[in-house]
Amino acid sequence: MFKKFTNNLKNLHIGQKGMTGLETAIILIAFVTVASVLAYSVLSAGIFSAEKGKATVYSGLEQAQATMAVHGSVVATSSDNSTTDYVEFLVGLTIPGETVDMAALVLNNYSGSNQTNLSNESWNSTALSAGKWQYVLAPGATERGTASTLEGDELMLVKADLSAFDTISAYDWFTTEILPPKGAAITIKRVMPGQLTPKMDLK
């Protein structure tokens, strides 16, 4: 009788071993699942941070690099050989594939004693209003798309009136700042010669 009871106890322990193995497997699966979820969360956060960082870098580069540049000379005009009436220059793209809305440009002028913002008006080949600036496709350039957009290998002629801004005479300096919708500003700083003429190439 005692032997049968002992055998029953042994069989009971064998059953307990089986249950212990199953519990261990469940715990192991739970640990693996939790570790996988945590690893996925960490990787997702890392990828998200990397994408945000890359987007910030590209945005900074886009704002820092110049989209436009002045091509050729800056020409000033004087009707009385004593004060400057307006300046004109050519602008083109520096980055292939970019476009610039010319109507969205902002032109600021500075001198030794004055500063102002010039407003844009439609191109007129014979007249330029005081305190205004105009643009038109440069002679010899080919229109690549929209007339008001600088694109491809186009060059735009910009003419800015300075007569209402300040009296710029011999040896005076002025600065024209061009702010495109995106990209770095273009700064044109020139000093007038000692003798003004109807047309002056400002080096």
N, C-alpha and C. Protein backbone atom coordinates (compact mmCIF):
# COMPACT_ATOMS: atom_id res chain seq x y z
N MET A 1 0.83 -1.20 0.00
CA MET A 1 0.00 0.00 0.00
C MET A 1 0.86 1.24 0.00
N PHE A 2 1.91 1.20 0.84
CA PHE A 2 2.82 2.33 0.91
C PHE A 2 3.56 2.52 -0.41
N LYS A 3 3.88 1.37 -1.04
CA LYS A 3 4.61 1.45 -2.32
C LYS A 3 3.74 2.07 -3.40
N LYS A 4 2.46 1.72 -3.40
CA LYS A 4 1.55 2.30 -4.39
C LYS A 4 1.41 3.80 -4.17
N PHE A 5 1.39 4.18 -2.87
CA PHE A 5 1.27 5.61 -2.57
C PHE A 5 2.50 6.36 -3.03
N THR A 6 3.67 5.72 -2.87
CA THR A 6 4.93 6.33 -3.31
C THR A 6 4.96 6.51 -4.81
N ASN A 7 4.50 5.47 -5.52
CA ASN A 7 4.46 5.56 -6.99
C ASN A 7 3.52 6.68 -7.45
N ASN A 8 2.40 6.81 -6.77
CA ASN A 8 1.47 7.90 -7.12
C ASN A 8 2.10 9.27 -6.92
N LEU A 9 2.89 9.39 -5.83
CA LEU A 9 3.58 10.66 -5.59
C LEU A 9 4.59 10.95 -6.69
N LYS A 10 5.30 9.91 -7.17
CA LYS A 10 6.26 10.10 -8.26
C LYS A 10 5.56 10.56 -9.53
N ASN A 11 4.43 9.91 -9.83
CA ASN A 11 3.68 10.34 -11.02
C ASN A 11 3.19 11.79 -10.89
N LEU A 12 2.87 12.19 -9.68
CA LEU A 12 2.43 13.56 -9.45
C LEU A 12 3.55 14.55 -9.75
N HIS A 13 4.78 14.23 -9.35
CA HIS A 13 5.94 15.09 -9.62
C HIS A 13 6.25 15.18 -11.11
N ILE A 14 6.05 14.08 -11.83
CA ILE A 14 6.27 14.10 -13.29
C ILE A 14 5.30 15.09 -13.94
N GLY A 15 4.06 15.09 -13.52
CA GLY A 15 3.08 16.04 -14.04
C GLY A 15 3.47 17.47 -13.73
N GLN A 16 4.04 17.69 -12.53
CA GLN A 16 4.48 19.03 -12.16
C GLN A 16 5.62 19.50 -13.05
N LYS A 17 6.53 18.62 -13.44
CA LYS A 17 7.63 18.97 -14.35
C LYS A 17 7.08 19.44 -15.68
N GLY A 18 6.07 18.80 -16.19
CA GLY A 18 5.48 19.19 -17.46
C GLY A 18 4.87 20.58 -17.39
N MET A 19 4.19 20.87 -16.29
CA MET A 19 3.59 22.19 -16.12
C MET A 19 4.67 23.26 -16.01
N THR A 20 5.78 22.95 -15.32
CA THR A 20 6.87 23.91 -15.17
C THR A 20 7.48 24.26 -16.52
N GLY A 21 7.64 23.29 -17.40
CA GLY A 21 8.19 23.55 -18.74
C GLY A 21 7.27 24.43 -19.56
N LEU A 22 5.97 24.20 -19.46
CA LEU A 22 5.00 25.01 -20.21
C LEU A 22 5.02 26.45 -19.72
N GLU A 23 5.07 26.62 -18.38
CA GLU A 23 5.11 27.97 -17.82
C GLU A 23 6.37 28.71 -18.26
N THR A 24 7.48 28.00 -18.29
CA THR A 24 8.75 28.61 -18.73
C THR A 24 8.66 29.08 -20.18
N ALA A 25 8.04 28.25 -21.02
CA ALA A 25 7.88 28.62 -22.42
C ALA A 25 7.01 29.85 -22.58
N ILE A 26 5.94 29.92 -21.79
CA ILE A 26 5.04 31.09 -21.85
C ILE A 26 5.79 32.35 -21.43
N ILE A 27 6.56 32.25 -20.36
CA ILE A 27 7.32 33.41 -19.88
C ILE A 27 8.34 33.85 -20.93
N LEU A 28 9.02 32.88 -21.56
CA LEU A 28 10.01 33.19 -22.59
C LEU A 28 9.37 33.91 -23.77
N ILE A 29 8.20 33.40 -24.19
CA ILE A 29 7.48 34.05 -25.31
C ILE A 29 7.08 35.46 -24.93
N ALA A 30 6.66 35.66 -23.70
CA ALA A 30 6.26 36.99 -23.24
C ALA A 30 7.45 37.95 -23.27
N PHE A 31 8.61 37.49 -22.79
CA PHE A 31 9.81 38.32 -22.81
C PHE A 31 10.20 38.70 -24.24
N VAL A 32 10.18 37.72 -25.13
CA VAL A 32 10.55 37.98 -26.53
C VAL A 32 9.59 38.98 -27.16
N THR A 33 8.29 38.83 -26.87
CA THR A 33 7.30 39.76 -27.43
C THR A 33 7.52 41.18 -26.94
N VAL A 34 7.73 41.33 -25.62
CA VAL A 34 7.96 42.66 -25.05
C VAL A 34 9.23 43.29 -25.62
N ALA A 35 10.29 42.46 -25.73
CA ALA A 35 11.55 42.97 -26.28
C ALA A 35 11.37 43.41 -27.73
N SER A 36 10.59 42.67 -28.50
CA SER A 36 10.35 43.03 -29.90
C SER A 36 9.60 44.35 -30.01
N VAL A 37 8.59 44.52 -29.17
CA VAL A 37 7.82 45.77 -29.19
C VAL A 37 8.71 46.95 -28.82
N LEU A 38 9.54 46.79 -27.77
CA LEU A 38 10.43 47.86 -27.37
C LEU A 38 11.45 48.18 -28.47
N ALA A 39 12.00 47.14 -29.09
CA ALA A 39 12.98 47.36 -30.17
C ALA A 39 12.34 48.09 -31.34
N TYR A 40 11.12 47.72 -31.68
CA TYR A 40 10.40 48.39 -32.77
C TYR A 40 10.16 49.86 -32.44
N SER A 41 9.79 50.12 -31.19
CA SER A 41 9.55 51.51 -30.78
C SER A 41 10.82 52.34 -30.86
N VAL A 42 11.93 51.77 -30.40
CA VAL A 42 13.20 52.50 -30.44
C VAL A 42 13.63 52.75 -31.87
N LEU A 43 13.52 51.74 -32.74
CA LEU A 43 13.90 51.91 -34.13
C LEU A 43 13.01 52.94 -34.83
N SER A 44 11.72 52.89 -34.55
CA SER A 44 10.80 53.86 -35.16
C SER A 44 11.15 55.28 -34.74
N ALA A 45 11.44 55.46 -33.45
CA ALA A 45 11.81 56.79 -32.96
C ALA A 45 13.11 57.26 -33.60
N GLY A 46 14.07 56.35 -33.75
CA GLY A 46 15.34 56.71 -34.38
C GLY A 46 15.18 57.10 -35.84
N ILE A 47 14.38 56.33 -36.58
CA ILE A 47 14.14 56.64 -38.00
C ILE A 47 13.42 57.97 -38.14
N PHE A 48 12.43 58.20 -37.27
CA PHE A 48 11.68 59.47 -37.32
C PHE A 48 12.61 60.66 -37.04
N SER A 49 13.48 60.51 -36.03
CA SER A 49 14.42 61.58 -35.70
C SER A 49 15.39 61.83 -36.84
N ALA A 50 15.87 60.75 -37.47
CA ALA A 50 16.80 60.90 -38.60
C ALA A 50 16.14 61.62 -39.77
N GLU A 51 14.88 61.28 -40.07
CA GLU A 51 14.16 61.94 -41.17
C GLU A 51 13.93 63.41 -40.88
N LYS A 52 13.58 63.72 -39.63
CA LYS A 52 13.39 65.12 -39.24
C LYS A 52 14.69 65.90 -39.36
N GLY A 53 15.78 65.27 -38.92
CA GLY A 53 17.09 65.92 -39.03
C GLY A 53 17.48 66.18 -40.46
N LYS A 54 17.22 65.19 -41.33
CA LYS A 54 17.56 65.36 -42.75
C LYS A 54 16.72 66.46 -43.38
N ALA A 55 15.44 66.49 -43.03
CA ALA A 55 14.56 67.54 -43.57
C ALA A 55 15.02 68.93 -43.11
N THR A 56 15.48 69.04 -41.86
CA THR A 56 15.97 70.32 -41.34
C THR A 56 17.22 70.76 -42.08
N VAL A 57 18.12 69.81 -42.35
CA VAL A 57 19.36 70.13 -43.07
C VAL A 57 19.05 70.61 -44.48
N TYR A 58 18.17 69.88 -45.18
CA TYR A 58 17.81 70.27 -46.55
C TYR A 58 17.12 71.64 -46.57
N SER A 59 16.27 71.89 -45.58
CA SER A 59 15.60 73.18 -45.50
C SER A 59 16.60 74.31 -45.27
N GLY A 60 17.57 74.05 -44.40
CA GLY A 60 18.60 75.06 -44.15
C GLY A 60 19.45 75.34 -45.39
N LEU A 61 19.82 74.29 -46.11
CA LEU A 61 20.58 74.47 -47.34
C LEU A 61 19.79 75.24 -48.37
N GLU A 62 18.49 74.95 -48.46
CA GLU A 62 17.65 75.63 -49.45
C GLU A 62 17.58 77.12 -49.17
N GLN A 63 17.54 77.48 -47.88
CA GLN A 63 17.47 78.90 -47.52
C GLN A 63 18.83 79.58 -47.61
N ALA A 64 19.90 78.80 -47.39
CA ALA A 64 21.24 79.40 -47.36
C ALA A 64 21.82 79.61 -48.76
N GLN A 65 21.55 78.69 -49.67
CA GLN A 65 22.16 78.82 -50.99
C GLN A 65 21.36 79.78 -51.87
N ALA A 66 22.09 80.52 -52.69
CA ALA A 66 21.47 81.52 -53.56
C ALA A 66 20.78 80.84 -54.73
N THR A 67 19.52 81.19 -54.96
CA THR A 67 18.77 80.66 -56.10
C THR A 67 19.06 81.47 -57.36
N MET A 68 19.38 82.76 -57.16
CA MET A 68 19.60 83.67 -58.28
C MET A 68 20.98 84.32 -58.16
N ALA A 69 21.43 84.88 -59.28
CA ALA A 69 22.69 85.62 -59.29
C ALA A 69 22.60 86.71 -60.35
N VAL A 70 23.39 87.77 -60.13
CA VAL A 70 23.46 88.85 -61.11
C VAL A 70 24.41 88.43 -62.23
N HIS A 71 23.98 88.61 -63.47
CA HIS A 71 24.79 88.26 -64.63
C HIS A 71 25.22 89.55 -65.34
N GLY A 72 26.50 89.68 -65.56
CA GLY A 72 26.99 90.83 -66.29
C GLY A 72 27.08 92.09 -65.44
N SER A 73 26.96 93.23 -66.11
CA SER A 73 27.19 94.53 -65.48
C SER A 73 25.94 95.08 -64.82
N VAL A 74 26.17 96.03 -63.92
CA VAL A 74 25.11 96.84 -63.35
C VAL A 74 25.23 98.22 -64.01
N VAL A 75 24.21 98.62 -64.73
CA VAL A 75 24.25 99.86 -65.50
C VAL A 75 23.36 100.91 -64.86
N ALA A 76 23.93 102.09 -64.62
CA ALA A 76 23.17 103.21 -64.05
C ALA A 76 22.91 104.25 -65.13
N THR A 77 21.80 104.95 -65.00
CA THR A 77 21.40 105.97 -65.97
C THR A 77 21.21 107.31 -65.27
N SER A 78 21.72 108.36 -65.89
CA SER A 78 21.53 109.71 -65.38
C SER A 78 21.07 110.61 -66.51
N SER A 79 19.96 111.30 -66.33
CA SER A 79 19.43 112.16 -67.38
C SER A 79 20.04 113.56 -67.36
N ASP A 80 20.58 113.96 -66.20
CA ASP A 80 21.15 115.31 -66.10
C ASP A 80 22.64 115.31 -65.76
N ASN A 81 23.25 114.13 -65.71
CA ASN A 81 24.67 113.98 -65.40
C ASN A 81 25.05 114.48 -64.01
N SER A 82 24.06 114.54 -63.13
CA SER A 82 24.35 114.99 -61.76
C SER A 82 23.77 114.04 -60.71
N THR A 83 22.63 113.41 -61.00
CA THR A 83 22.03 112.46 -60.08
C THR A 83 21.63 111.19 -60.85
N THR A 84 21.48 110.10 -60.12
CA THR A 84 21.16 108.80 -60.73
C THR A 84 19.66 108.62 -60.82
N ASP A 85 19.20 108.24 -62.01
CA ASP A 85 17.77 108.01 -62.21
C ASP A 85 17.39 106.57 -61.88
N TYR A 86 18.04 105.59 -62.53
CA TYR A 86 17.73 104.20 -62.25
C TYR A 86 18.92 103.30 -62.58
N VAL A 87 18.86 102.09 -62.11
CA VAL A 87 19.88 101.07 -62.41
C VAL A 87 19.17 99.87 -63.04
N GLU A 88 19.91 99.15 -63.86
CA GLU A 88 19.36 97.94 -64.47
C GLU A 88 20.44 96.87 -64.50
N PHE A 89 19.99 95.61 -64.38
CA PHE A 89 20.92 94.47 -64.35
C PHE A 89 20.16 93.21 -64.75
N LEU A 90 20.91 92.18 -65.08
CA LEU A 90 20.35 90.89 -65.47
C LEU A 90 20.47 89.91 -64.32
N VAL A 91 19.43 89.11 -64.10
CA VAL A 91 19.48 88.04 -63.10
C VAL A 91 19.15 86.70 -63.77
N GLY A 92 19.78 85.65 -63.29
CA GLY A 92 19.53 84.30 -63.78
C GLY A 92 19.61 83.31 -62.63
N LEU A 93 19.28 82.07 -62.91
CA LEU A 93 19.28 81.03 -61.88
C LEU A 93 20.69 80.49 -61.66
N THR A 94 20.96 80.08 -60.44
CA THR A 94 22.22 79.43 -60.10
C THR A 94 22.06 77.93 -59.88
N ILE A 95 20.82 77.49 -59.64
CA ILE A 95 20.55 76.07 -59.37
C ILE A 95 19.67 75.51 -60.48
N PRO A 96 20.16 74.56 -61.25
CA PRO A 96 19.34 73.98 -62.33
C PRO A 96 18.07 73.35 -61.79
N GLY A 97 16.98 73.54 -62.51
CA GLY A 97 15.71 72.94 -62.11
C GLY A 97 14.88 73.80 -61.19
N GLU A 98 15.47 74.87 -60.64
CA GLU A 98 14.70 75.77 -59.76
C GLU A 98 13.90 76.76 -60.60
N THR A 99 12.92 77.38 -60.01
CA THR A 99 12.16 78.46 -60.63
C THR A 99 11.96 79.57 -59.61
N VAL A 100 11.85 80.80 -60.09
CA VAL A 100 11.63 81.95 -59.21
C VAL A 100 10.50 82.79 -59.79
N ASP A 101 9.51 83.07 -58.95
CA ASP A 101 8.41 83.95 -59.34
C ASP A 101 8.92 85.39 -59.24
N MET A 102 9.11 86.03 -60.39
CA MET A 102 9.68 87.37 -60.40
C MET A 102 8.77 88.38 -59.71
N ALA A 103 7.47 88.19 -59.84
CA ALA A 103 6.53 89.13 -59.22
C ALA A 103 6.60 89.07 -57.69
N ALA A 104 7.17 87.98 -57.15
CA ALA A 104 7.26 87.83 -55.69
C ALA A 104 8.57 88.36 -55.12
N LEU A 105 9.45 88.86 -55.97
CA LEU A 105 10.71 89.41 -55.48
C LEU A 105 10.45 90.67 -54.65
N VAL A 106 11.33 90.88 -53.68
CA VAL A 106 11.30 92.11 -52.87
C VAL A 106 12.60 92.86 -53.10
N LEU A 107 12.51 94.14 -53.48
CA LEU A 107 13.69 94.96 -53.69
C LEU A 107 13.76 96.05 -52.63
N ASN A 108 14.87 96.05 -51.89
CA ASN A 108 15.13 97.09 -50.89
C ASN A 108 16.35 97.89 -51.32
N ASN A 109 16.29 99.20 -51.13
CA ASN A 109 17.42 100.07 -51.47
C ASN A 109 17.92 100.79 -50.23
N TYR A 110 19.26 100.93 -50.14
CA TYR A 110 19.90 101.60 -49.03
C TYR A 110 20.94 102.58 -49.58
N SER A 111 21.09 103.68 -48.88
CA SER A 111 22.15 104.63 -49.20
C SER A 111 22.73 105.13 -47.89
N GLY A 112 23.61 106.14 -47.96
CA GLY A 112 24.21 106.64 -46.74
C GLY A 112 23.23 107.31 -45.80
N SER A 113 22.09 107.76 -46.32
CA SER A 113 21.15 108.50 -45.48
C SER A 113 19.70 108.06 -45.63
N ASN A 114 19.46 107.01 -46.41
CA ASN A 114 18.07 106.66 -46.68
C ASN A 114 17.94 105.16 -46.93
N GLN A 115 16.72 104.67 -46.81
CA GLN A 115 16.41 103.29 -47.17
C GLN A 115 14.93 103.21 -47.52
N THR A 116 14.60 102.31 -48.45
CA THR A 116 13.20 102.18 -48.87
C THR A 116 12.99 100.85 -49.55
N ASN A 117 11.73 100.48 -49.68
CA ASN A 117 11.33 99.28 -50.42
C ASN A 117 10.67 99.73 -51.71
N LEU A 118 11.14 99.17 -52.83
CA LEU A 118 10.55 99.50 -54.12
C LEU A 118 9.44 98.51 -54.44
N SER A 119 8.34 98.99 -54.99
CA SER A 119 7.23 98.12 -55.36
C SER A 119 7.29 97.81 -56.85
N ASN A 120 6.77 96.66 -57.21
CA ASN A 120 6.84 96.18 -58.59
C ASN A 120 5.69 96.75 -59.42
N GLU A 121 5.97 97.02 -60.70
CA GLU A 121 4.94 97.43 -61.65
C GLU A 121 5.20 96.74 -62.98
N SER A 122 4.19 96.70 -63.84
CA SER A 122 4.31 96.04 -65.13
C SER A 122 5.35 96.73 -66.00
N TRP A 123 6.01 95.94 -66.83
CA TRP A 123 7.08 96.47 -67.67
C TRP A 123 6.56 97.49 -68.67
N ASN A 124 7.30 98.58 -68.77
CA ASN A 124 7.03 99.62 -69.75
C ASN A 124 8.38 100.04 -70.34
N SER A 125 8.56 99.81 -71.61
CA SER A 125 9.87 100.03 -72.22
C SER A 125 10.27 101.50 -72.29
N THR A 126 9.32 102.41 -72.13
CA THR A 126 9.62 103.84 -72.26
C THR A 126 9.52 104.61 -70.96
N ALA A 127 8.89 104.05 -69.96
CA ALA A 127 8.70 104.79 -68.71
C ALA A 127 8.86 103.89 -67.49
N LEU A 128 9.38 104.48 -66.42
CA LEU A 128 9.53 103.78 -65.15
C LEU A 128 9.10 104.73 -64.05
N SER A 129 8.09 104.34 -63.29
CA SER A 129 7.56 105.22 -62.25
C SER A 129 8.54 105.37 -61.10
N ALA A 130 8.50 106.53 -60.46
CA ALA A 130 9.38 106.79 -59.33
C ALA A 130 9.09 105.81 -58.19
N GLY A 131 10.14 105.27 -57.62
CA GLY A 131 9.99 104.36 -56.50
C GLY A 131 9.49 102.98 -56.89
N LYS A 132 9.59 102.62 -58.18
CA LYS A 132 9.11 101.32 -58.66
C LYS A 132 10.26 100.54 -59.29
N TRP A 133 10.00 99.26 -59.55
CA TRP A 133 10.93 98.45 -60.33
C TRP A 133 10.14 97.57 -61.27
N GLN A 134 10.77 97.21 -62.38
CA GLN A 134 10.13 96.40 -63.41
C GLN A 134 11.06 95.25 -63.82
N TYR A 135 10.49 94.27 -64.47
CA TYR A 135 11.29 93.17 -65.02
C TYR A 135 10.71 92.74 -66.35
N VAL A 136 11.58 92.18 -67.20
CA VAL A 136 11.16 91.67 -68.50
C VAL A 136 12.20 90.65 -68.94
N LEU A 137 11.79 89.73 -69.79
CA LEU A 137 12.74 88.75 -70.33
C LEU A 137 13.83 89.49 -71.08
N ALA A 138 15.08 89.15 -70.79
CA ALA A 138 16.21 89.87 -71.38
C ALA A 138 16.25 89.69 -72.90
N PRO A 139 16.68 90.70 -73.63
CA PRO A 139 16.82 90.57 -75.08
C PRO A 139 17.75 89.41 -75.44
N GLY A 140 17.32 88.58 -76.36
CA GLY A 140 18.11 87.42 -76.77
C GLY A 140 17.82 86.15 -76.00
N ALA A 141 17.13 86.27 -74.87
CA ALA A 141 16.78 85.08 -74.07
C ALA A 141 15.51 84.44 -74.62
N THR A 142 15.39 83.13 -74.43
CA THR A 142 14.23 82.38 -74.91
C THR A 142 13.29 82.08 -73.77
N GLU A 143 12.02 82.38 -73.97
CA GLU A 143 11.01 82.08 -72.94
C GLU A 143 10.83 80.57 -72.80
N ARG A 144 11.00 80.06 -71.58
CA ARG A 144 10.92 78.61 -71.33
C ARG A 144 9.59 78.17 -70.74
N GLY A 145 8.74 79.10 -70.38
CA GLY A 145 7.48 78.71 -69.75
C GLY A 145 6.62 79.91 -69.48
N THR A 146 6.34 80.16 -68.20
CA THR A 146 5.51 81.28 -67.79
C THR A 146 6.30 82.59 -67.88
N ALA A 147 5.65 83.63 -68.37
CA ALA A 147 6.34 84.91 -68.58
C ALA A 147 6.82 85.53 -67.29
N SER A 148 6.12 85.32 -66.19
CA SER A 148 6.49 85.95 -64.92
C SER A 148 7.43 85.08 -64.07
N THR A 149 7.89 83.97 -64.63
CA THR A 149 8.72 83.04 -63.87
C THR A 149 10.11 82.93 -64.50
N LEU A 150 11.13 83.04 -63.66
CA LEU A 150 12.50 82.83 -64.10
C LEU A 150 12.79 81.34 -64.02
N GLU A 151 13.14 80.73 -65.16
CA GLU A 151 13.34 79.28 -65.19
C GLU A 151 14.34 78.91 -66.27
N GLY A 152 14.89 77.70 -66.13
CA GLY A 152 15.83 77.21 -67.13
C GLY A 152 17.02 78.14 -67.29
N ASP A 153 17.36 78.42 -68.55
CA ASP A 153 18.50 79.30 -68.83
C ASP A 153 18.06 80.73 -69.13
N GLU A 154 16.87 81.10 -68.69
CA GLU A 154 16.37 82.45 -68.94
C GLU A 154 17.20 83.49 -68.17
N LEU A 155 17.20 84.70 -68.70
CA LEU A 155 17.74 85.85 -68.00
C LEU A 155 16.66 86.93 -67.97
N MET A 156 16.48 87.54 -66.82
CA MET A 156 15.51 88.62 -66.68
C MET A 156 16.24 89.95 -66.50
N LEU A 157 15.75 90.96 -67.21
CA LEU A 157 16.27 92.32 -67.04
C LEU A 157 15.46 93.02 -65.96
N VAL A 158 16.13 93.49 -64.93
CA VAL A 158 15.49 94.21 -63.83
C VAL A 158 15.91 95.68 -63.89
N LYS A 159 14.94 96.57 -63.83
CA LYS A 159 15.20 98.01 -63.85
C LYS A 159 14.54 98.62 -62.62
N ALA A 160 15.35 99.31 -61.81
CA ALA A 160 14.86 99.89 -60.55
C ALA A 160 15.07 101.39 -60.55
N ASP A 161 14.03 102.13 -60.19
CA ASP A 161 14.11 103.58 -60.11
C ASP A 161 14.71 104.00 -58.77
N LEU A 162 15.70 104.88 -58.82
CA LEU A 162 16.35 105.37 -57.60
C LEU A 162 16.11 106.85 -57.37
N SER A 163 15.47 107.53 -58.30
CA SER A 163 15.33 108.98 -58.21
C SER A 163 14.47 109.41 -57.04
N ALA A 164 13.40 108.65 -56.75
CA ALA A 164 12.53 109.00 -55.63
C ALA A 164 13.06 108.47 -54.31
N PHE A 165 14.04 107.58 -54.38
CA PHE A 165 14.59 106.96 -53.18
C PHE A 165 15.60 107.88 -52.51
N ASP A 166 16.50 108.47 -53.30
CA ASP A 166 17.52 109.35 -52.73
C ASP A 166 18.21 110.09 -53.87
N THR A 167 18.90 111.17 -53.54
CA THR A 167 19.70 111.89 -54.53
C THR A 167 21.09 111.28 -54.53
N ILE A 168 21.34 110.42 -55.48
CA ILE A 168 22.62 109.70 -55.56
C ILE A 168 23.49 110.40 -56.61
N SER A 169 24.49 111.09 -56.13
CA SER A 169 25.37 111.88 -57.00
C SER A 169 26.75 111.23 -57.09
N ALA A 170 27.69 111.97 -57.63
CA ALA A 170 29.06 111.48 -57.78
C ALA A 170 29.64 111.07 -56.44
N TYR A 171 30.31 109.92 -56.43
CA TYR A 171 30.98 109.34 -55.27
C TYR A 171 30.02 108.80 -54.20
N ASP A 172 28.73 108.94 -54.40
CA ASP A 172 27.77 108.35 -53.45
C ASP A 172 27.68 106.84 -53.69
N TRP A 173 27.26 106.15 -52.65
CA TRP A 173 27.08 104.68 -52.78
C TRP A 173 25.62 104.33 -52.56
N PHE A 174 25.23 103.20 -53.10
CA PHE A 174 23.88 102.67 -52.86
C PHE A 174 23.97 101.15 -52.83
N THR A 175 23.00 100.54 -52.19
CA THR A 175 22.91 99.07 -52.13
C THR A 175 21.50 98.66 -52.50
N THR A 176 21.39 97.75 -53.45
CA THR A 176 20.10 97.16 -53.81
C THR A 176 20.09 95.71 -53.34
N GLU A 177 19.13 95.39 -52.50
CA GLU A 177 19.00 94.03 -51.95
C GLU A 177 17.80 93.35 -52.60
N ILE A 178 18.05 92.19 -53.20
CA ILE A 178 17.00 91.43 -53.88
C ILE A 178 16.68 90.20 -53.04
N LEU A 179 15.43 90.10 -52.60
CA LEU A 179 15.00 88.98 -51.76
C LEU A 179 14.05 88.09 -52.55
N PRO A 180 14.51 86.90 -52.97
CA PRO A 180 13.61 85.98 -53.66
C PRO A 180 12.69 85.27 -52.68
N PRO A 181 11.62 84.61 -53.16
CA PRO A 181 10.71 83.89 -52.24
C PRO A 181 11.43 82.82 -51.42
N LYS A 182 12.46 82.20 -51.98
CA LYS A 182 13.27 81.23 -51.24
C LYS A 182 14.72 81.35 -51.69
N GLY A 183 15.62 81.01 -50.80
CA GLY A 183 17.02 81.14 -51.12
C GLY A 183 17.61 82.42 -50.54
N ALA A 184 18.93 82.53 -50.64
CA ALA A 184 19.63 83.66 -50.05
C ALA A 184 19.39 84.94 -50.85
N ALA A 185 19.54 86.07 -50.15
CA ALA A 185 19.37 87.37 -50.80
C ALA A 185 20.57 87.69 -51.67
N ILE A 186 20.33 88.52 -52.69
CA ILE A 186 21.39 89.02 -53.55
C ILE A 186 21.61 90.48 -53.20
N THR A 187 22.87 90.85 -52.96
CA THR A 187 23.19 92.23 -52.59
C THR A 187 24.06 92.86 -53.66
N ILE A 188 23.62 93.99 -54.18
CA ILE A 188 24.38 94.75 -55.17
C ILE A 188 24.77 96.07 -54.53
N LYS A 189 26.05 96.24 -54.26
CA LYS A 189 26.53 97.49 -53.67
C LYS A 189 27.49 98.14 -54.66
N ARG A 190 27.22 99.40 -55.00
CA ARG A 190 28.04 100.12 -55.98
C ARG A 190 28.31 101.54 -55.49
N VAL A 191 29.45 102.08 -55.97
CA VAL A 191 29.82 103.48 -55.71
C VAL A 191 29.79 104.22 -57.04
N MET A 192 29.14 105.37 -57.07
CA MET A 192 29.04 106.14 -58.30
C MET A 192 30.39 106.76 -58.65
N PRO A 193 30.68 106.89 -59.93
CA PRO A 193 31.95 107.50 -60.34
C PRO A 193 32.00 109.00 -60.04
N GLY A 194 33.18 109.60 -60.23
CA GLY A 194 33.33 111.03 -59.95
C GLY A 194 32.64 111.92 -60.96
N GLN A 195 32.40 111.38 -62.14
CA GLN A 195 31.67 112.13 -63.17
C GLN A 195 30.55 111.27 -63.71
N LEU A 196 29.30 111.72 -63.53
CA LEU A 196 28.15 110.96 -64.00
C LEU A 196 27.93 111.21 -65.50
N THR A 197 27.50 110.17 -66.20
CA THR A 197 27.20 110.24 -67.63
C THR A 197 25.84 109.60 -67.86
N PRO A 198 25.27 109.77 -69.07
CA PRO A 198 23.94 109.17 -69.31
C PRO A 198 23.88 107.67 -69.06
N LYS A 199 24.95 106.93 -69.38
CA LYS A 199 25.00 105.48 -69.13
C LYS A 199 26.33 105.16 -68.46
N MET A 200 26.25 104.47 -67.32
CA MET A 200 27.48 104.14 -66.56
C MET A 200 27.50 102.67 -66.21
N ASP A 201 28.61 102.03 -66.51
CA ASP A 201 28.85 100.63 -66.14
C ASP A 201 29.50 100.63 -64.76
N LEU A 202 28.73 100.27 -63.75
CA LEU A 202 29.23 100.30 -62.38
C LEU A 202 29.96 99.00 -62.08
N LYS A 203 31.26 99.05 -62.01
CA LYS A 203 32.08 97.85 -61.80
C LYS A 203 31.90 97.32 -60.39
